[in-house]
N, C-alpha and C. Protein backbone atom coordinates (compact mmCIF):
# COMPACT_ATOMS: atom_id res chain seq x y z
N MET A 1 -14.17 15.99 -10.44
CA MET A 1 -14.68 17.38 -10.63
C MET A 1 -15.74 17.80 -9.87
N LYS A 2 -16.98 16.60 -10.00
CA LYS A 2 -18.26 16.79 -9.43
C LYS A 2 -18.10 16.62 -7.64
N ARG A 3 -17.10 16.04 -7.51
CA ARG A 3 -17.04 15.87 -5.76
C ARG A 3 -16.41 17.26 -5.61
N PHE A 4 -15.40 17.75 -6.09
CA PHE A 4 -15.11 18.87 -6.06
C PHE A 4 -15.93 20.43 -5.91
N LYS A 5 -16.87 20.28 -6.75
CA LYS A 5 -18.25 21.12 -6.66
C LYS A 5 -19.06 21.00 -5.55
N ALA A 6 -19.41 19.82 -5.37
CA ALA A 6 -20.32 19.37 -4.35
C ALA A 6 -19.57 19.78 -2.66
N SER A 7 -18.13 19.72 -2.59
CA SER A 7 -17.56 20.12 -1.31
C SER A 7 -17.51 21.70 -1.17
N ILE A 8 -17.33 22.37 -2.48
CA ILE A 8 -17.56 23.94 -2.14
C ILE A 8 -18.94 24.07 -1.84
N PHE A 9 -19.97 23.42 -2.62
CA PHE A 9 -21.22 23.91 -2.15
C PHE A 9 -21.66 23.56 -0.61
N VAL A 10 -21.27 22.53 -0.22
CA VAL A 10 -21.44 21.98 1.05
C VAL A 10 -20.73 23.14 1.85
N SER A 11 -19.56 23.41 1.84
CA SER A 11 -18.69 24.32 2.57
C SER A 11 -19.43 25.87 2.64
N THR A 12 -19.77 26.30 1.41
CA THR A 12 -20.69 27.39 1.25
C THR A 12 -21.68 27.65 2.06
N VAL A 13 -22.62 26.34 2.12
CA VAL A 13 -24.15 26.62 2.88
C VAL A 13 -23.52 26.52 4.11
N LEU A 14 -22.61 25.49 4.81
CA LEU A 14 -22.44 25.65 6.08
C LEU A 14 -21.91 27.04 6.70
N PHE A 15 -21.01 27.56 5.49
CA PHE A 15 -20.54 29.08 5.91
C PHE A 15 -21.58 30.24 6.16
N LEU A 16 -22.80 29.62 5.32
CA LEU A 16 -23.81 30.77 5.01
C LEU A 16 -24.86 30.65 6.37
N SER A 17 -25.17 29.48 6.83
CA SER A 17 -25.61 29.12 8.22
C SER A 17 -25.28 29.56 9.23
N MET A 18 -23.65 29.57 9.49
CA MET A 18 -23.03 30.09 10.39
C MET A 18 -23.20 31.83 10.63
N LEU A 19 -23.31 32.16 9.07
CA LEU A 19 -23.47 33.77 9.31
C LEU A 19 -24.71 33.85 9.68
N GLY A 20 -25.70 33.43 9.35
CA GLY A 20 -27.18 33.50 9.68
C GLY A 20 -27.60 33.26 11.16
N VAL A 21 -26.84 32.29 11.80
CA VAL A 21 -27.06 32.07 13.53
C VAL A 21 -26.30 33.33 13.90
N GLY A 22 -25.35 33.92 13.43
CA GLY A 22 -24.76 34.93 14.11
C GLY A 22 -25.48 36.21 13.96
N VAL A 23 -26.25 36.34 13.29
CA VAL A 23 -27.13 37.33 13.09
C VAL A 23 -28.01 37.58 13.82
N VAL A 24 -28.62 36.01 13.82
CA VAL A 24 -29.80 36.04 14.99
C VAL A 24 -29.51 36.13 16.23
N ALA A 25 -28.09 35.77 16.51
CA ALA A 25 -27.73 35.82 18.05
C ALA A 25 -27.48 37.33 18.48
N GLN A 26 -26.86 38.22 17.36
CA GLN A 26 -26.83 39.32 17.45
C GLN A 26 -28.02 40.15 17.84
N SER A 27 -29.03 39.98 17.11
CA SER A 27 -30.30 40.48 17.12
C SER A 27 -30.80 40.13 18.46
N TYR A 28 -30.69 39.16 19.01
CA TYR A 28 -31.20 38.67 20.35
C TYR A 28 -30.44 39.63 21.39
N VAL A 29 -29.36 39.51 21.45
CA VAL A 29 -28.37 40.28 22.39
C VAL A 29 -28.94 41.73 22.27
N LEU A 30 -29.24 42.22 21.01
CA LEU A 30 -29.42 43.60 20.95
C LEU A 30 -30.81 43.97 21.38
N TYR A 31 -31.88 42.98 21.10
CA TYR A 31 -33.05 43.15 21.90
C TYR A 31 -33.03 43.38 23.45
N THR A 32 -32.11 42.14 23.87
CA THR A 32 -32.25 41.99 25.44
C THR A 32 -31.39 43.21 26.26
N GLN A 33 -30.46 43.77 25.15
CA GLN A 33 -30.01 44.99 25.99
C GLN A 33 -30.75 46.42 25.87
N LEU A 34 -31.53 46.56 24.66
CA LEU A 34 -32.69 47.34 24.77
C LEU A 34 -33.96 47.31 25.82
N SER A 35 -34.36 46.20 26.17
CA SER A 35 -35.19 45.99 27.05
C SER A 35 -34.63 46.14 28.37
N SER A 36 -33.53 45.61 28.67
CA SER A 36 -33.13 46.13 29.88
C SER A 36 -33.13 47.37 30.19
N ARG A 37 -32.25 48.20 29.39
CA ARG A 37 -32.13 49.77 29.22
C ARG A 37 -33.20 50.44 29.61
N GLU A 38 -34.52 49.90 28.65
CA GLU A 38 -35.79 50.81 29.22
C GLU A 38 -36.18 50.21 30.74
N LYS A 39 -36.10 49.09 31.00
CA LYS A 39 -36.31 48.78 32.37
C LYS A 39 -35.67 49.64 33.59
N MET A 40 -34.20 49.95 33.18
CA MET A 40 -33.68 50.98 34.20
C MET A 40 -34.18 52.38 33.86
N ILE A 41 -34.22 52.79 32.94
CA ILE A 41 -35.16 54.39 32.54
C ILE A 41 -36.53 54.48 33.68
N VAL A 42 -37.36 53.18 33.72
CA VAL A 42 -38.49 53.16 34.33
C VAL A 42 -38.19 53.18 35.83
N ALA A 43 -37.11 52.51 35.88
CA ALA A 43 -36.54 52.31 37.58
C ALA A 43 -36.18 53.64 38.13
N MET A 44 -35.54 54.45 37.11
CA MET A 44 -35.16 55.74 37.58
C MET A 44 -36.10 56.72 37.35
N GLN A 45 -37.15 56.88 36.62
CA GLN A 45 -38.31 57.58 36.68
C GLN A 45 -38.91 57.56 37.70
N LEU A 46 -39.24 56.04 38.34
CA LEU A 46 -40.17 55.88 39.57
C LEU A 46 -39.52 56.46 40.73
N ASP A 47 -38.16 56.11 40.86
CA ASP A 47 -37.24 56.54 42.04
C ASP A 47 -37.48 57.84 42.28
N ARG A 48 -37.32 58.76 41.07
CA ARG A 48 -37.07 60.25 41.07
C ARG A 48 -38.71 60.81 41.68
N ILE A 49 -39.90 60.26 41.04
CA ILE A 49 -41.27 60.30 41.42
C ILE A 49 -41.46 60.06 42.94
N GLN A 50 -41.14 58.93 43.25
CA GLN A 50 -41.21 58.30 44.53
C GLN A 50 -40.25 59.63 45.70
N ILE A 51 -39.33 60.28 45.29
CA ILE A 51 -38.54 61.17 46.24
C ILE A 51 -39.09 62.34 46.29
N GLU A 52 -39.87 62.95 44.90
CA GLU A 52 -40.67 64.06 44.70
C GLU A 52 -42.07 64.11 45.53
N ALA A 53 -42.57 63.10 45.19
CA ALA A 53 -43.87 62.65 46.06
C ALA A 53 -43.83 62.47 47.69
N SER A 54 -42.48 61.95 47.89
CA SER A 54 -42.50 61.39 49.40
C SER A 54 -42.27 62.90 50.10
N LEU A 55 -41.56 63.74 49.51
CA LEU A 55 -41.07 65.11 50.03
C LEU A 55 -42.22 66.17 50.16
N TYR A 56 -43.00 65.96 48.79
CA TYR A 56 -44.18 66.85 48.89
C TYR A 56 -45.37 66.33 49.83
N TYR A 57 -45.46 65.11 49.82
CA TYR A 57 -46.53 64.64 51.20
C TYR A 57 -45.85 64.88 52.34
N HIS A 58 -44.56 64.93 52.73
CA HIS A 58 -44.34 65.41 54.26
C HIS A 58 -44.69 66.87 54.37
N LYS A 59 -44.65 67.93 53.68
CA LYS A 59 -44.62 69.12 53.56
C LYS A 59 -46.46 69.51 53.52
N HIS A 60 -46.82 68.87 52.57
CA HIS A 60 -48.26 69.34 52.42
C HIS A 60 -49.42 68.49 52.96
N LYS A 61 -49.02 66.86 53.17
CA LYS A 61 -49.85 66.14 53.75
C LYS A 61 -51.14 65.57 52.65
N LYS A 62 -50.63 65.85 51.25
CA LYS A 62 -51.94 65.55 50.62
C LYS A 62 -51.73 64.06 49.83
N LEU A 63 -52.64 63.17 50.09
CA LEU A 63 -52.57 62.02 49.70
C LEU A 63 -52.79 61.49 48.11
N GLU A 64 -53.23 62.98 47.69
CA GLU A 64 -53.39 62.49 46.15
C GLU A 64 -52.58 63.85 45.43
N GLN A 65 -51.73 63.54 44.53
CA GLN A 65 -50.88 64.56 44.06
C GLN A 65 -50.24 64.39 42.53
N GLN A 66 -49.93 65.08 41.48
CA GLN A 66 -49.48 65.24 40.58
C GLN A 66 -47.99 65.50 40.65
N VAL A 67 -46.92 64.37 40.30
CA VAL A 67 -45.70 64.46 40.02
C VAL A 67 -45.40 64.68 38.81
N ASN A 68 -44.81 65.22 38.08
CA ASN A 68 -44.27 65.46 36.46
C ASN A 68 -45.31 64.84 35.56
N GLY A 69 -46.73 65.09 35.79
CA GLY A 69 -47.75 64.59 34.97
C GLY A 69 -47.93 63.10 35.36
N ASN A 70 -47.71 62.86 36.39
CA ASN A 70 -48.00 61.26 36.85
C ASN A 70 -48.98 61.34 37.85
N HIS A 71 -50.04 60.74 38.21
CA HIS A 71 -50.92 60.58 38.94
C HIS A 71 -50.15 59.63 40.46
N VAL A 72 -50.15 60.06 41.74
CA VAL A 72 -49.71 59.48 42.64
C VAL A 72 -50.65 59.16 43.95
N GLU A 73 -51.17 58.23 44.34
CA GLU A 73 -51.71 58.19 45.61
C GLU A 73 -50.82 57.40 46.85
N ILE A 74 -51.29 58.06 47.96
CA ILE A 74 -50.60 57.73 49.23
C ILE A 74 -51.74 57.14 50.10
N ALA A 75 -51.22 56.05 50.85
CA ALA A 75 -52.10 55.57 51.57
C ALA A 75 -51.49 54.61 52.29
N ASN A 76 -51.65 54.78 53.89
CA ASN A 76 -50.77 53.76 54.82
C ASN A 76 -49.34 53.62 54.52
N ASN A 77 -48.64 55.04 54.29
CA ASN A 77 -47.26 54.93 54.05
C ASN A 77 -46.75 54.31 52.94
N ASN A 78 -47.63 54.15 51.93
CA ASN A 78 -47.37 53.28 50.49
C ASN A 78 -48.07 54.41 49.34
N MET A 79 -47.09 54.29 48.36
CA MET A 79 -47.86 55.32 47.25
C MET A 79 -47.75 54.28 45.90
N THR A 80 -48.99 54.56 45.34
CA THR A 80 -49.33 54.05 43.83
C THR A 80 -48.97 54.83 42.97
N ILE A 81 -48.10 54.58 42.03
CA ILE A 81 -47.23 55.75 40.96
C ILE A 81 -48.16 55.06 39.67
N HIS A 82 -48.80 56.03 39.06
CA HIS A 82 -49.14 55.76 37.70
C HIS A 82 -48.27 56.33 36.68
N LEU A 83 -48.04 55.52 36.06
CA LEU A 83 -46.81 56.16 35.16
C LEU A 83 -47.26 55.30 33.90
N LYS A 84 -47.29 56.43 32.80
CA LYS A 84 -48.31 55.86 31.64
C LYS A 84 -49.36 54.68 31.67
N SER A 85 -49.42 53.58 31.26
CA SER A 85 -50.46 52.91 31.62
C SER A 85 -50.61 51.86 32.27
N LYS A 86 -49.22 51.65 33.37
CA LYS A 86 -48.92 50.69 34.52
C LYS A 86 -49.22 51.45 35.95
N SER A 87 -49.26 50.90 36.62
CA SER A 87 -49.64 51.37 38.27
C SER A 87 -48.24 50.49 38.82
N TYR A 88 -47.48 51.23 39.81
CA TYR A 88 -46.21 50.65 40.82
C TYR A 88 -46.63 50.82 42.27
N ARG A 89 -46.21 50.21 42.72
CA ARG A 89 -46.41 50.58 44.19
C ARG A 89 -45.09 50.64 44.71
N ARG A 90 -44.90 52.06 45.69
CA ARG A 90 -43.68 52.04 46.46
C ARG A 90 -43.76 52.65 47.85
N SER A 91 -42.75 52.60 48.57
CA SER A 91 -43.03 53.17 50.02
C SER A 91 -43.06 54.41 49.78
N VAL A 92 -43.40 55.38 51.08
CA VAL A 92 -43.35 56.56 51.30
C VAL A 92 -41.73 56.64 52.18
N LEU A 93 -40.93 57.44 51.87
CA LEU A 93 -39.56 57.61 52.27
C LEU A 93 -39.39 58.54 53.15
N VAL A 94 -40.24 59.50 53.45
CA VAL A 94 -40.23 60.35 54.66
C VAL A 94 -41.72 59.97 55.52
N TYR A 95 -41.24 59.45 56.59
CA TYR A 95 -42.17 59.03 57.56
C TYR A 95 -42.83 60.23 58.47
N ASP A 96 -44.10 60.22 59.06
CA ASP A 96 -44.30 61.33 60.18
C ASP A 96 -44.18 60.25 61.39
N PRO A 97 -43.61 61.30 62.32
CA PRO A 97 -43.27 60.76 63.78
C PRO A 97 -44.85 60.28 64.36
């Protein structure tokens, strides 16, 4: 009888530990999906700002500008985009001949 109770206890502990590992793995997968989604959103925002700033620079030749509330500086056909608290460097898409 004691052996039967012990085998039930051991199998229960193993089953619960496997469930715990599954929950941790699922949490990690969700975290990586959310972080990659956030990186894709930032990349999309940077692409849009880069296009708008390049077109505005081509028309008005202003080296400093505001695009959608973000400060953009242009020097040597490169632009620095200040998005939130970070700065990103991109190239100007429209070059002058």
